[in-house]
C-alpha atoms as a PDB file:
ATOM      1  CA  MET A   1      71.401 234.041 216.536  1.00  0.00           C
ATOM      2  CA  LEU A   2      74.741 234.669 215.163  1.00  0.00           C
ATOM      3  CA  GLU A   3      76.309 231.890 213.328  1.00  0.00           C
ATOM      4  CA  GLN A   4      79.962 231.469 213.576  1.00  0.00           C
ATOM      5  CA  CYS A   5      81.563 232.229 210.137  1.00  0.00           C
ATOM      6  CA  GLU A   6      84.739 230.736 209.053  1.00  0.00           C
ATOM      7  CA  VAL A   7      87.171 233.424 207.986  1.00  0.00           C
ATOM      8  CA  LEU A   8      88.821 232.585 204.685  1.00  0.00           C
ATOM      9  CA  ASN A   9      92.479 233.347 204.277  1.00  0.00           C
ATOM     10  CA  CYS A  10      93.053 234.464 200.701  1.00  0.00           C
ATOM     11  CA  ASP A  11      96.829 234.216 201.097  1.00  0.00           C
ATOM     12  CA  SER A  12      96.683 230.461 201.310  1.00  0.00           C
ATOM     13  CA  ASN A  13      95.638 230.136 197.668  1.00  0.00           C
ATOM     14  CA  HIS A  14      98.861 231.664 196.291  1.00  0.00           C
ATOM     15  CA  PHE A  15     101.775 229.437 195.467  1.00  0.00           C
ATOM     16  CA  LEU A  16     105.165 230.590 194.278  1.00  0.00           C
ATOM     17  CA  VAL A  17     105.973 229.224 190.837  1.00  0.00           C
ATOM     18  CA  LYS A  18     109.505 229.214 189.497  1.00  0.00           C
ATOM     19  CA  THR A  19     110.442 228.345 185.949  1.00  0.00           C
ATOM     20  CA  ILE A  20     113.562 228.346 183.834  1.00  0.00           C
ATOM     21  CA  ILE A  21     113.369 229.414 180.203  1.00  0.00           C
ATOM     22  CA  LYS A  22     116.132 228.425 177.836  1.00  0.00           C
ATOM     23  CA  GLN A  23     116.452 230.205 174.538  1.00  0.00           C
ATOM     24  CA  LYS A  24     118.801 229.298 171.737  1.00  0.00           C
ATOM     25  CA  LEU A  25     119.938 231.883 169.227  1.00  0.00           C
ATOM     26  CA  ILE A  26     120.467 230.790 165.677  1.00  0.00           C
ATOM     27  CA  ARG A  27     123.925 231.610 164.394  1.00  0.00           C
ATOM     28  CA  THR A  28     123.921 232.972 160.886  1.00  0.00           C
ATOM     29  CA  GLN A  29     126.874 233.441 158.637  1.00  0.00           C
ATOM     30  CA  ASN A  30     127.950 236.931 157.706  1.00  0.00           C
ATOM     31  CA  LYS A  31     127.168 237.435 154.032  1.00  0.00           C
ATOM     32  CA  ALA A  32     129.690 240.242 153.670  1.00  0.00           C
ATOM     33  CA  GLY A  33     132.574 238.033 154.725  1.00  0.00           C
ATOM     34  CA  LYS A  34     135.399 239.131 156.940  1.00  0.00           C
ATOM     35  CA  GLN A  35     135.965 242.820 157.270  1.00  0.00           C
ATOM     36  CA  LYS A  36     139.427 244.038 156.403  1.00  0.00           C
ATOM     37  CA  LYS A  37     141.319 245.632 159.273  1.00  0.00           C
ATOM     38  CA  TRP A  38     143.845 248.352 158.681  1.00  0.00           C
ATOM     39  CA  ASN A  39     146.871 249.245 160.750  1.00  0.00           C
ATOM     40  CA  GLN A  40     145.606 252.430 162.373  1.00  0.00           C
ATOM     41  CA  SER A  41     148.978 253.221 163.883  1.00  0.00           C
ATOM     42  CA  ASN A  42     150.067 254.219 160.353  1.00  0.00           C
ATOM     43  CA  LEU A  43     147.786 257.251 160.707  1.00  0.00           C
ATOM     44  CA  GLN A  44     149.900 258.433 163.651  1.00  0.00           C
ATOM     45  CA  ASN A  45     152.825 258.814 161.246  1.00  0.00           C
ATOM     46  CA  PRO A  46     152.507 262.286 159.623  1.00  0.00           C
ATOM     47  CA  ALA A  47     154.125 261.151 156.356  1.00  0.00           C
ATOM     48  CA  LYS A  48     151.679 258.237 155.915  1.00  0.00           C
ATOM     49  CA  LEU A  49     148.756 260.414 156.966  1.00  0.00           C
ATOM     50  CA  ASN A  50     149.619 263.081 154.365  1.00  0.00           C
ATOM     51  CA  LYS A  51     150.074 260.384 151.722  1.00  0.00           C
ATOM     52  CA  TYR A  52     146.655 258.929 152.577  1.00  0.00           C
ATOM     53  CA  ILE A  53     144.960 262.352 152.486  1.00  0.00           C
ATOM     54  CA  LEU A  54     146.597 263.175 149.135  1.00  0.00           C
ATOM     55  CA  CYS A  55     145.586 259.813 147.638  1.00  0.00           C
ATOM     56  CA  LEU A  56     142.027 260.219 148.881  1.00  0.00           C
ATOM     57  CA  TYR A  57     141.817 263.787 147.590  1.00  0.00           C
ATOM     58  CA  ASN A  58     143.074 262.825 144.122  1.00  0.00           C
ATOM     59  CA  LYS A  59     140.626 259.937 143.812  1.00  0.00           C
ATOM     60  CA  ILE A  60     137.637 261.990 144.941  1.00  0.00           C
ATOM     61  CA  ILE A  61     138.513 264.806 142.506  1.00  0.00           C
ATOM     62  CA  GLY A  62     138.877 262.257 139.690  1.00  0.00           C
ATOM     63  CA  LYS A  63     135.373 260.836 140.112  1.00  0.00           C
ATOM     64  CA  GLU A  64     132.387 262.495 138.514  1.00  0.00           C
ATOM     65  CA  VAL A  65     129.527 263.797 140.635  1.00  0.00           C
ATOM     66  CA  GLN A  66     126.405 261.603 140.680  1.00  0.00           C
ATOM     67  CA  GLN A  67     122.878 262.975 140.836  1.00  0.00           C
ATOM     68  CA  ASN A  68     121.649 260.041 142.926  1.00  0.00           C
ATOM     69  CA  THR A  69     122.686 260.292 146.583  1.00  0.00           C
ATOM     70  CA  GLU A  70     122.938 256.506 146.961  1.00  0.00           C
ATOM     71  CA  GLU A  71     125.331 256.290 144.018  1.00  0.00           C
ATOM     72  CA  GLU A  72     127.356 259.211 145.391  1.00  0.00           C
ATOM     73  CA  ARG A  73     127.568 257.566 148.821  1.00  0.00           C
ATOM     74  CA  LYS A  74     128.657 254.283 147.202  1.00  0.00           C
ATOM     75  CA  ASN A  75     131.372 256.070 145.179  1.00  0.00           C
ATOM     76  CA  ILE A  76     132.725 257.854 148.269  1.00  0.00           C
ATOM     77  CA  LYS A  77     132.761 254.605 150.258  1.00  0.00           C
ATOM     78  CA  GLU A  78     134.642 252.786 147.479  1.00  0.00           C
ATOM     79  CA  THR A  79     137.128 255.645 147.186  1.00  0.00           C
ATOM     80  CA  ILE A  80     137.863 255.657 150.924  1.00  0.00           C
ATOM     81  CA  THR A  81     138.251 251.861 150.953  1.00  0.00           C
ATOM     82  CA  GLU A  82     140.604 251.877 147.942  1.00  0.00           C
ATOM     83  CA  SER A  83     142.770 254.617 149.444  1.00  0.00           C
ATOM     84  CA  ALA A  84     142.920 252.857 152.796  1.00  0.00           C
ATOM     85  CA  ASN A  85     143.907 249.559 151.130  1.00  0.00           C
ATOM     86  CA  GLU A  86     146.719 251.268 149.233  1.00  0.00           C
ATOM     87  CA  ILE A  87     148.208 253.405 152.006  1.00  0.00           C
ATOM     88  CA  ILE A  88     147.174 251.986 155.352  1.00  0.00           C
END
């Protein structure tokens, strides 16, 4: 005797779930402050560009060479920033 089996439908156990996730980003203040912007169109002027290159060259030659690469990088960065502030 064969008993009649009920066929189970496995698809009926799945339900579509939808969710919305909201995430808030914390705004932090920049510790470095505002970054100075230079007028880059001054570098298109050959006279200003030569003046900037000469100023940068003179300041780099005037500084002594550091043995520490971090100190050397810091000196070069300061020199470029000073020259840009003066000329640009």
